[in-house]
Amino acid sequence: MSPDELDDWSDDGFDDNAGFDAQAGRADGKTDTIKPESILDVPVRAVIQAGRTRLPLRTLLRLTKGSLVELDRSVDEPMDVLINGALVARGEVVVVNGEYALRIVRIFDTDSDSGA
């Protein structure tokens, strides 16, 4: 997925909250709400992003095994954690039992923190 596609993949042109009322009124005057535990197993797309770059198509087509693609981040900068396209955290790459993992070093308040 290209950097531009990553920026745009969750922007489908629809307002996800249009017409949504978290507490819909019922005819009997009571309200129904969604209990958080009822949606905890809904899958979300998690992306760990090491960095970005822009490549002309000519350069992209010339990539071969062993080619290097430089990213816009230094090795000591934390990686971004995106959930459904939204930046929610940053973390450091670690190795656990021979596999990559991410140690979360910062979590963003999605209501007020831009993450920048």
C-alpha atoms as a PDB file:
ATOM      1  CA  MET A   1       0.000   0.000   0.000  1.00  0.00           C
ATOM      2  CA  SER A   2       1.443   3.372  -0.957  1.00  0.00           C
ATOM      3  CA  PRO A   3       1.728   6.225   1.545  1.00  0.00           C
ATOM      4  CA  ASP A   4      -1.037   8.119  -0.243  1.00  0.00           C
ATOM      5  CA  GLU A   5      -3.284   5.064  -0.228  1.00  0.00           C
ATOM      6  CA  LEU A   6      -2.644   4.637   3.491  1.00  0.00           C
ATOM      7  CA  ASP A   7      -3.776   8.218   4.059  1.00  0.00           C
ATOM      8  CA  ASP A   8      -6.888   7.705   1.951  1.00  0.00           C
ATOM      9  CA  TRP A   9      -7.921   4.083   2.516  1.00  0.00           C
ATOM     10  CA  SER A  10     -10.269   4.888   5.373  1.00  0.00           C
ATOM     11  CA  ASP A  11     -11.635   8.066   3.778  1.00  0.00           C
ATOM     12  CA  ASP A  12     -14.511   6.636   1.773  1.00  0.00           C
ATOM     13  CA  GLY A  13     -16.425   9.909   1.559  1.00  0.00           C
ATOM     14  CA  PHE A  14     -19.058   8.880   4.069  1.00  0.00           C
ATOM     15  CA  ASP A  15     -19.600  10.516   7.432  1.00  0.00           C
ATOM     16  CA  ASP A  16     -19.489   7.464   9.685  1.00  0.00           C
ATOM     17  CA  ASN A  17     -21.459   9.291  12.363  1.00  0.00           C
ATOM     18  CA  ALA A  18     -24.114  10.845  10.106  1.00  0.00           C
ATOM     19  CA  GLY A  19     -27.512  10.269  11.626  1.00  0.00           C
ATOM     20  CA  PHE A  20     -26.029   8.276  14.495  1.00  0.00           C
ATOM     21  CA  ASP A  21     -27.494   8.786  17.942  1.00  0.00           C
ATOM     22  CA  ALA A  22     -25.596   6.892  20.642  1.00  0.00           C
ATOM     23  CA  GLN A  23     -28.757   6.751  22.758  1.00  0.00           C
ATOM     24  CA  ALA A  24     -31.678   6.149  20.448  1.00  0.00           C
ATOM     25  CA  GLY A  25     -35.014   6.930  22.031  1.00  0.00           C
ATOM     26  CA  ARG A  26     -37.718   4.292  22.131  1.00  0.00           C
ATOM     27  CA  ALA A  27     -41.490   4.730  22.058  1.00  0.00           C
ATOM     28  CA  ASP A  28     -41.725   3.719  25.744  1.00  0.00           C
ATOM     29  CA  GLY A  29     -39.315   6.541  26.717  1.00  0.00           C
ATOM     30  CA  LYS A  30     -36.417   4.227  27.580  1.00  0.00           C
ATOM     31  CA  THR A  31     -33.086   4.416  25.773  1.00  0.00           C
ATOM     32  CA  ASP A  32     -31.026   1.631  24.251  1.00  0.00           C
ATOM     33  CA  THR A  33     -27.265   1.842  24.281  1.00  0.00           C
ATOM     34  CA  ILE A  34     -24.584  -0.400  22.847  1.00  0.00           C
ATOM     35  CA  LYS A  35     -22.658  -2.117  25.589  1.00  0.00           C
ATOM     36  CA  PRO A  36     -18.889  -1.872  24.888  1.00  0.00           C
ATOM     37  CA  GLU A  37     -18.354  -5.554  25.697  1.00  0.00           C
ATOM     38  CA  SER A  38     -20.739  -6.503  22.861  1.00  0.00           C
ATOM     39  CA  ILE A  39     -18.300  -5.184  20.229  1.00  0.00           C
ATOM     40  CA  LEU A  40     -14.923  -6.084  21.769  1.00  0.00           C
ATOM     41  CA  ASP A  41     -14.378  -8.949  19.296  1.00  0.00           C
ATOM     42  CA  VAL A  42     -15.054  -6.874  16.154  1.00  0.00           C
ATOM     43  CA  PRO A  43     -11.892  -6.987  14.017  1.00  0.00           C
ATOM     44  CA  VAL A  44     -10.053  -3.749  13.235  1.00  0.00           C
ATOM     45  CA  ARG A  45      -7.160  -3.087  10.855  1.00  0.00           C
ATOM     46  CA  ALA A  46      -3.913  -2.475  12.743  1.00  0.00           C
ATOM     47  CA  VAL A  47      -0.906  -1.110  10.846  1.00  0.00           C
ATOM     48  CA  ILE A  48       2.578  -0.640  12.277  1.00  0.00           C
ATOM     49  CA  GLN A  49       4.294   1.930  10.083  1.00  0.00           C
ATOM     50  CA  ALA A  50       8.089   2.188   9.952  1.00  0.00           C
ATOM     51  CA  GLY A  51       8.091   5.217   7.656  1.00  0.00           C
ATOM     52  CA  ARG A  52       7.061   6.564   4.294  1.00  0.00           C
ATOM     53  CA  THR A  53       8.599   7.544   1.007  1.00  0.00           C
ATOM     54  CA  ARG A  54       7.547   8.751  -2.417  1.00  0.00           C
ATOM     55  CA  LEU A  55       8.887   7.001  -5.485  1.00  0.00           C
ATOM     56  CA  PRO A  56       8.372   7.857  -9.125  1.00  0.00           C
ATOM     57  CA  LEU A  57       6.824   4.965 -11.011  1.00  0.00           C
ATOM     58  CA  ARG A  58      10.072   4.648 -13.006  1.00  0.00           C
ATOM     59  CA  THR A  59      12.035   4.018  -9.793  1.00  0.00           C
ATOM     60  CA  LEU A  60       9.402   1.644  -8.448  1.00  0.00           C
ATOM     61  CA  LEU A  61       9.532  -0.459 -11.617  1.00  0.00           C
ATOM     62  CA  ARG A  62      13.332  -0.713 -11.347  1.00  0.00           C
ATOM     63  CA  LEU A  63      13.255  -2.235  -7.845  1.00  0.00           C
ATOM     64  CA  THR A  64      14.755  -5.703  -7.678  1.00  0.00           C
ATOM     65  CA  LYS A  65      15.725  -8.150  -4.968  1.00  0.00           C
ATOM     66  CA  GLY A  66      18.295  -6.350  -2.811  1.00  0.00           C
ATOM     67  CA  SER A  67      17.133  -2.827  -3.729  1.00  0.00           C
ATOM     68  CA  LEU A  68      17.032  -0.337  -0.876  1.00  0.00           C
ATOM     69  CA  VAL A  69      14.119   2.007  -0.311  1.00  0.00           C
ATOM     70  CA  GLU A  70      14.920   4.820   2.117  1.00  0.00           C
ATOM     71  CA  LEU A  71      12.174   5.946   4.484  1.00  0.00           C
ATOM     72  CA  ASP A  72      11.501   9.339   6.049  1.00  0.00           C
ATOM     73  CA  ARG A  73      12.392   8.230   9.569  1.00  0.00           C
ATOM     74  CA  SER A  74      15.584   7.625  11.478  1.00  0.00           C
ATOM     75  CA  VAL A  75      16.216   4.296  13.178  1.00  0.00           C
ATOM     76  CA  ASP A  76      15.795   5.765  16.663  1.00  0.00           C
ATOM     77  CA  GLU A  77      12.320   7.202  16.017  1.00  0.00           C
ATOM     78  CA  PRO A  78       9.322   5.174  17.216  1.00  0.00           C
ATOM     79  CA  MET A  79       6.958   3.554  14.734  1.00  0.00           C
ATOM     80  CA  ASP A  80       3.346   4.640  14.288  1.00  0.00           C
ATOM     81  CA  VAL A  81       0.463   2.405  15.336  1.00  0.00           C
ATOM     82  CA  LEU A  82      -2.603   3.062  13.201  1.00  0.00           C
ATOM     83  CA  ILE A  83      -5.982   1.507  13.940  1.00  0.00           C
ATOM     84  CA  ASN A  84      -8.411   1.770  11.020  1.00  0.00           C
ATOM     85  CA  GLY A  85      -6.193   4.539   9.642  1.00  0.00           C
ATOM     86  CA  ALA A  86      -6.075   6.644  12.822  1.00  0.00           C
ATOM     87  CA  LEU A  87      -2.811   7.214  14.677  1.00  0.00           C
ATOM     88  CA  VAL A  88      -3.389   5.863  18.191  1.00  0.00           C
ATOM     89  CA  ALA A  89       0.109   5.130  19.519  1.00  0.00           C
ATOM     90  CA  ARG A  90       3.840   4.999  18.865  1.00  0.00           C
ATOM     91  CA  GLY A  91       6.205   2.214  19.789  1.00  0.00           C
ATOM     92  CA  GLU A  92       9.701   0.754  19.613  1.00  0.00           C
ATOM     93  CA  VAL A  93      10.530  -2.464  17.790  1.00  0.00           C
ATOM     94  CA  VAL A  94      11.737  -5.273  20.051  1.00  0.00           C
ATOM     95  CA  VAL A  95      12.386  -8.982  19.530  1.00  0.00           C
ATOM     96  CA  VAL A  96      10.506 -11.505  21.678  1.00  0.00           C
ATOM     97  CA  ASN A  97      11.264 -15.211  21.263  1.00  0.00           C
ATOM     98  CA  GLY A  98      12.797 -14.558  17.850  1.00  0.00           C
ATOM     99  CA  GLU A  99       9.804 -12.587  16.547  1.00  0.00           C
ATOM    100  CA  TYR A 100       9.264  -8.862  16.128  1.00  0.00           C
ATOM    101  CA  ALA A 101       7.034  -7.069  18.618  1.00  0.00           C
ATOM    102  CA  LEU A 102       6.286  -3.468  19.460  1.00  0.00           C
ATOM    103  CA  ARG A 103       6.709  -1.880  22.879  1.00  0.00           C
ATOM    104  CA  ILE A 104       4.189   0.953  23.149  1.00  0.00           C
ATOM    105  CA  VAL A 105       5.876   4.164  24.322  1.00  0.00           C
ATOM    106  CA  ARG A 106       3.075   6.675  23.761  1.00  0.00           C
ATOM    107  CA  ILE A 107      -0.695   6.448  23.485  1.00  0.00           C
ATOM    108  CA  PHE A 108      -2.627   9.348  22.005  1.00  0.00           C
ATOM    109  CA  ASP A 109      -5.898  10.702  23.307  1.00  0.00           C
ATOM    110  CA  THR A 110      -7.865  10.500  20.076  1.00  0.00           C
ATOM    111  CA  ASP A 111     -10.294  13.204  21.231  1.00  0.00           C
ATOM    112  CA  SER A 112      -7.685  15.905  21.786  1.00  0.00           C
ATOM    113  CA  ASP A 113      -4.177  14.762  20.770  1.00  0.00           C
ATOM    114  CA  SER A 114      -3.250  15.121  17.102  1.00  0.00           C
ATOM    115  CA  GLY A 115      -0.278  12.814  17.489  1.00  0.00           C
ATOM    116  CA  ALA A 116       2.001  15.177  15.628  1.00  0.00           C
END
